[in-house]
C-alpha atoms as a PDB file:
ATOM      1  CA  MET A   1      -1.768 -19.948   6.766  1.00  0.00           C
ATOM      2  CA  SER A   2      -5.151 -20.125   5.088  1.00  0.00           C
ATOM      3  CA  LEU A   3      -7.954 -17.822   6.152  1.00  0.00           C
ATOM      4  CA  PRO A   4     -11.611 -17.965   5.124  1.00  0.00           C
ATOM      5  CA  ALA A   5     -13.240 -14.966   3.462  1.00  0.00           C
ATOM      6  CA  TYR A   6     -14.045 -12.240   5.966  1.00  0.00           C
ATOM      7  CA  GLY A   7     -16.930  -9.843   5.622  1.00  0.00           C
ATOM      8  CA  LYS A   8     -17.622  -6.400   6.963  1.00  0.00           C
ATOM      9  CA  GLY A   9     -17.106  -6.110  10.681  1.00  0.00           C
ATOM     10  CA  ALA A  10     -14.337  -8.718  11.079  1.00  0.00           C
ATOM     11  CA  PHE A  11     -11.550  -7.465  13.365  1.00  0.00           C
ATOM     12  CA  MET A  12      -8.090  -8.885  13.949  1.00  0.00           C
ATOM     13  CA  ASP A  13      -6.329  -5.853  15.472  1.00  0.00           C
ATOM     14  CA  GLY A  14      -2.784  -6.440  16.677  1.00  0.00           C
ATOM     15  CA  SER A  15      -2.573  -9.804  14.921  1.00  0.00           C
ATOM     16  CA  SER A  16       0.795 -11.368  14.163  1.00  0.00           C
ATOM     17  CA  MET A  17       1.016 -12.868  10.703  1.00  0.00           C
ATOM     18  CA  VAL A  18       4.762 -12.619  10.153  1.00  0.00           C
ATOM     19  CA  GLY A  19       5.694 -14.592   7.037  1.00  0.00           C
ATOM     20  CA  ALA A  20       2.092 -15.720   6.497  1.00  0.00           C
ATOM     21  CA  LYS A  21       1.209 -17.144   3.079  1.00  0.00           C
ATOM     22  CA  LEU A  22      -2.074 -15.446   2.145  1.00  0.00           C
ATOM     23  CA  THR A  23      -1.894 -15.717  -1.636  1.00  0.00           C
ATOM     24  CA  SER A  24      -5.200 -14.874  -3.346  1.00  0.00           C
ATOM     25  CA  VAL A  25      -7.056 -14.742  -0.003  1.00  0.00           C
ATOM     26  CA  ASN A  26     -10.189 -12.583   0.320  1.00  0.00           C
ATOM     27  CA  LEU A  27      -9.594 -10.068   3.112  1.00  0.00           C
ATOM     28  CA  ARG A  28     -12.113  -7.461   1.932  1.00  0.00           C
ATOM     29  CA  ASN A  29     -13.412  -5.124   4.651  1.00  0.00           C
ATOM     30  CA  LEU A  30     -11.146  -6.709   7.291  1.00  0.00           C
ATOM     31  CA  THR A  31      -9.662  -4.573  10.088  1.00  0.00           C
ATOM     32  CA  LEU A  32      -6.040  -5.449  10.858  1.00  0.00           C
ATOM     33  CA  CYS A  33      -4.819  -2.301  12.628  1.00  0.00           C
ATOM     34  CA  HIS A  34      -1.346  -2.589  14.199  1.00  0.00           C
ATOM     35  CA  ALA A  35      -0.944  -6.030  12.606  1.00  0.00           C
ATOM     36  CA  LYS A  36       2.548  -7.493  12.241  1.00  0.00           C
ATOM     37  CA  MET A  37       2.718  -8.840   8.683  1.00  0.00           C
ATOM     38  CA  MET A  38       6.404  -8.582   7.848  1.00  0.00           C
ATOM     39  CA  ASN A  39       7.436 -10.818   4.921  1.00  0.00           C
ATOM     40  CA  ALA A  40       3.806 -11.876   4.358  1.00  0.00           C
ATOM     41  CA  ASP A  41       2.864 -13.209   0.911  1.00  0.00           C
ATOM     42  CA  LEU A  42      -0.311 -11.407  -0.178  1.00  0.00           C
ATOM     43  CA  ASN A  43       0.155 -11.861  -3.926  1.00  0.00           C
ATOM     44  CA  GLY A  44      -3.208 -11.589  -5.660  1.00  0.00           C
ATOM     45  CA  ALA A  45      -5.048 -11.072  -2.346  1.00  0.00           C
ATOM     46  CA  ASP A  46      -8.171  -8.907  -2.193  1.00  0.00           C
ATOM     47  CA  LEU A  47      -7.762  -6.274   0.513  1.00  0.00           C
ATOM     48  CA  SER A  48     -10.346  -3.833  -0.856  1.00  0.00           C
ATOM     49  CA  ASN A  49     -11.822  -1.572   1.833  1.00  0.00           C
ATOM     50  CA  ALA A  50      -9.615  -3.202   4.484  1.00  0.00           C
ATOM     51  CA  ARG A  51      -8.178  -1.154   7.371  1.00  0.00           C
ATOM     52  CA  LEU A  52      -4.494  -1.819   8.084  1.00  0.00           C
ATOM     53  CA  ILE A  53      -3.784   1.381  10.018  1.00  0.00           C
ATOM     54  CA  ASP A  54      -0.255   1.404  11.506  1.00  0.00           C
ATOM     55  CA  ALA A  55       0.325  -2.171  10.275  1.00  0.00           C
ATOM     56  CA  ASP A  56       3.874  -3.398   9.631  1.00  0.00           C
ATOM     57  CA  LEU A  57       4.142  -4.884   6.145  1.00  0.00           C
ATOM     58  CA  THR A  58       7.922  -4.581   5.822  1.00  0.00           C
ATOM     59  CA  ASN A  59       9.145  -6.679   2.864  1.00  0.00           C
ATOM     60  CA  ALA A  60       5.639  -8.040   2.262  1.00  0.00           C
ATOM     61  CA  THR A  61       4.838  -9.237  -1.250  1.00  0.00           C
ATOM     62  CA  MET A  62       1.560  -7.915  -2.667  1.00  0.00           C
ATOM     63  CA  ILE A  63       2.036  -8.331  -6.415  1.00  0.00           C
ATOM     64  CA  GLU A  64      -1.223  -7.802  -8.314  1.00  0.00           C
ATOM     65  CA  ALA A  65      -3.131  -7.406  -5.040  1.00  0.00           C
ATOM     66  CA  GLU A  66      -6.545  -5.696  -5.171  1.00  0.00           C
ATOM     67  CA  MET A  67      -6.362  -2.904  -2.598  1.00  0.00           C
ATOM     68  CA  THR A  68      -8.949  -0.384  -3.773  1.00  0.00           C
ATOM     69  CA  SER A  69     -10.000   2.002  -0.979  1.00  0.00           C
ATOM     70  CA  ILE A  70      -7.690   0.325   1.560  1.00  0.00           C
ATOM     71  CA  ASP A  71      -6.684   2.364   4.614  1.00  0.00           C
ATOM     72  CA  LEU A  72      -2.938   2.012   5.218  1.00  0.00           C
ATOM     73  CA  THR A  73      -2.556   5.244   7.177  1.00  0.00           C
ATOM     74  CA  GLY A  74       0.749   5.191   9.073  1.00  0.00           C
ATOM     75  CA  ALA A  75       1.608   1.689   7.819  1.00  0.00           C
ATOM     76  CA  THR A  76       5.175   0.538   7.230  1.00  0.00           C
ATOM     77  CA  LEU A  77       5.677  -0.980   3.781  1.00  0.00           C
ATOM     78  CA  HIS A  78       9.456  -0.617   3.604  1.00  0.00           C
ATOM     79  CA  GLY A  79      10.782  -2.811   0.795  1.00  0.00           C
ATOM     80  CA  ALA A  80       7.305  -4.128  -0.027  1.00  0.00           C
ATOM     81  CA  GLN A  81       6.663  -5.583  -3.486  1.00  0.00           C
ATOM     82  CA  LEU A  82       3.509  -3.929  -4.858  1.00  0.00           C
ATOM     83  CA  TYR A  83       4.137  -4.474  -8.566  1.00  0.00           C
ATOM     84  CA  CYS A  84       0.868  -4.052 -10.506  1.00  0.00           C
ATOM     85  CA  ALA A  85      -1.118  -3.634  -7.264  1.00  0.00           C
ATOM     86  CA  ARG A  86      -4.431  -1.767  -7.514  1.00  0.00           C
ATOM     87  CA  LEU A  87      -4.443   0.949  -4.849  1.00  0.00           C
ATOM     88  CA  GLU A  88      -7.012   3.360  -6.286  1.00  0.00           C
ATOM     89  CA  ARG A  89      -8.458   5.720  -3.649  1.00  0.00           C
ATOM     90  CA  ALA A  90      -6.138   4.203  -1.014  1.00  0.00           C
ATOM     91  CA  LEU A  91      -5.312   6.093   2.172  1.00  0.00           C
ATOM     92  CA  LEU A  92      -1.536   6.024   2.608  1.00  0.00           C
ATOM     93  CA  GLY A  93      -0.943   9.183   4.619  1.00  0.00           C
ATOM     94  CA  ARG A  94       2.201   9.025   6.819  1.00  0.00           C
ATOM     95  CA  SER A  95       2.988   5.568   5.414  1.00  0.00           C
ATOM     96  CA  VAL A  96       6.580   4.444   4.886  1.00  0.00           C
ATOM     97  CA  LEU A  97       7.121   3.052   1.385  1.00  0.00           C
ATOM     98  CA  CYS A  98      10.893   3.537   1.188  1.00  0.00           C
ATOM     99  CA  ASP A  99      12.550   1.076  -1.223  1.00  0.00           C
ATOM    100  CA  ALA A 100       9.106  -0.318  -2.176  1.00  0.00           C
ATOM    101  CA  ASN A 101       8.449  -1.595  -5.696  1.00  0.00           C
ATOM    102  CA  LEU A 102       5.301   0.097  -7.021  1.00  0.00           C
ATOM    103  CA  CYS A 103       6.035  -0.359 -10.739  1.00  0.00           C
ATOM    104  CA  ASN A 104       2.826  -0.318 -12.762  1.00  0.00           C
ATOM    105  CA  ALA A 105       0.787   0.152  -9.568  1.00  0.00           C
ATOM    106  CA  LYS A 106      -2.534   1.980  -9.819  1.00  0.00           C
ATOM    107  CA  LEU A 107      -2.674   4.768  -7.215  1.00  0.00           C
ATOM    108  CA  HIS A 108      -5.283   6.971  -8.923  1.00  0.00           C
ATOM    109  CA  GLU A 109      -6.937   9.368  -6.415  1.00  0.00           C
ATOM    110  CA  SER A 110      -4.919   7.948  -3.514  1.00  0.00           C
ATOM    111  CA  VAL A 111      -3.902  10.040  -0.513  1.00  0.00           C
ATOM    112  CA  LEU A 112      -0.178   9.900   0.224  1.00  0.00           C
ATOM    113  CA  ARG A 113       0.145  13.044   2.383  1.00  0.00           C
ATOM    114  CA  GLU A 114       3.405  13.013   4.350  1.00  0.00           C
ATOM    115  CA  ALA A 115       4.214   9.526   3.029  1.00  0.00           C
ATOM    116  CA  ARG A 116       7.858   8.495   2.695  1.00  0.00           C
ATOM    117  CA  LEU A 117       8.599   7.086  -0.749  1.00  0.00           C
ATOM    118  CA  ASP A 118      12.374   7.570  -0.718  1.00  0.00           C
ATOM    119  CA  ASN A 119      14.101   5.331  -3.272  1.00  0.00           C
ATOM    120  CA  ALA A 120      10.739   3.764  -4.217  1.00  0.00           C
ATOM    121  CA  HIS A 121      10.400   2.309  -7.700  1.00  0.00           C
ATOM    122  CA  LEU A 122       7.315   3.981  -9.228  1.00  0.00           C
ATOM    123  CA  SER A 123       8.056   3.472 -12.929  1.00  0.00           C
ATOM    124  CA  GLU A 124       4.870   3.467 -14.996  1.00  0.00           C
ATOM    125  CA  ALA A 125       2.733   3.888 -11.849  1.00  0.00           C
ATOM    126  CA  ASP A 126      -0.568   5.757 -12.155  1.00  0.00           C
ATOM    127  CA  LEU A 127      -0.477   8.557  -9.585  1.00  0.00           C
ATOM    128  CA  SER A 128      -3.009  10.692 -11.408  1.00  0.00           C
ATOM    129  CA  SER A 129      -5.154  12.850  -9.100  1.00  0.00           C
ATOM    130  CA  ALA A 130      -3.184  11.553  -6.090  1.00  0.00           C
ATOM    131  CA  ASP A 131      -2.459  13.802  -3.111  1.00  0.00           C
ATOM    132  CA  LEU A 132       1.296  13.757  -2.466  1.00  0.00           C
ATOM    133  CA  SER A 133       1.346  16.881  -0.282  1.00  0.00           C
ATOM    134  CA  SER A 134       4.466  16.979   1.913  1.00  0.00           C
ATOM    135  CA  ALA A 135       5.482  13.500   0.718  1.00  0.00           C
ATOM    136  CA  SER A 136       9.160  12.594   0.461  1.00  0.00           C
ATOM    137  CA  LEU A 137      10.164  11.104  -2.890  1.00  0.00           C
ATOM    138  CA  ARG A 138      13.947  11.480  -2.650  1.00  0.00           C
ATOM    139  CA  SER A 139      15.664   9.299  -5.265  1.00  0.00           C
ATOM    140  CA  ALA A 140      12.298   7.757  -6.230  1.00  0.00           C
ATOM    141  CA  ARG A 141      12.177   6.404  -9.779  1.00  0.00           C
ATOM    142  CA  LEU A 142       9.213   7.957 -11.580  1.00  0.00           C
ATOM    143  CA  ALA A 143       9.987   7.119 -15.238  1.00  0.00           C
ATOM    144  CA  LYS A 144       6.811   7.025 -17.344  1.00  0.00           C
ATOM    145  CA  SER A 145       4.603   7.562 -14.258  1.00  0.00           C
ATOM    146  CA  SER A 146       1.415   9.574 -14.563  1.00  0.00           C
ATOM    147  CA  LEU A 147       1.209  12.537 -12.191  1.00  0.00           C
ATOM    148  CA  LEU A 148      -1.611  14.257 -14.087  1.00  0.00           C
ATOM    149  CA  ARG A 149      -3.669  16.442 -11.701  1.00  0.00           C
ATOM    150  CA  SER A 150      -1.650  15.215  -8.694  1.00  0.00           C
ATOM    151  CA  ILE A 151      -1.175  17.517  -5.717  1.00  0.00           C
ATOM    152  CA  LEU A 152       2.532  17.978  -5.000  1.00  0.00           C
ATOM    153  CA  ASP A 153       2.413  20.908  -2.529  1.00  0.00           C
ATOM    154  CA  SER A 154       5.569  20.863  -0.372  1.00  0.00           C
ATOM    155  CA  ALA A 155       6.556  17.435  -1.721  1.00  0.00           C
ATOM    156  CA  ASP A 156      10.286  16.669  -1.596  1.00  0.00           C
ATOM    157  CA  LEU A 157      11.274  15.486  -5.041  1.00  0.00           C
END
């Protein structure tokens, strides 16, 4: 599936893009709330400032994706591959990232309140100044991750 570049104000709420190949596609500022994007290939895609609230990205591949200031509130990213993804200032509150690969991901100043990161691979991830209040990180791998100035109030480590 090949999509043209979308600008501010483009809406595709409730879209089904299961298994879509969207490698290196420009999806900046796009609204895809409640979208079904399981197994989608978004490697290298630009999703900066996009809104994917309550989207299902189970097992999606987003390696080296640009996702600065993305809103993934309540999204399901179970088993997603986010290796080296740039998620600075992302909104990930109540998101499910269990078993996700976030190695070397940049999550500086991101909001992960009440997110589920059980068994997530966060080795060498930058979580500095992130809000992980009430997040669940049971069995998460955090080797060499930066948690400098992160908020961990009531987090389950």
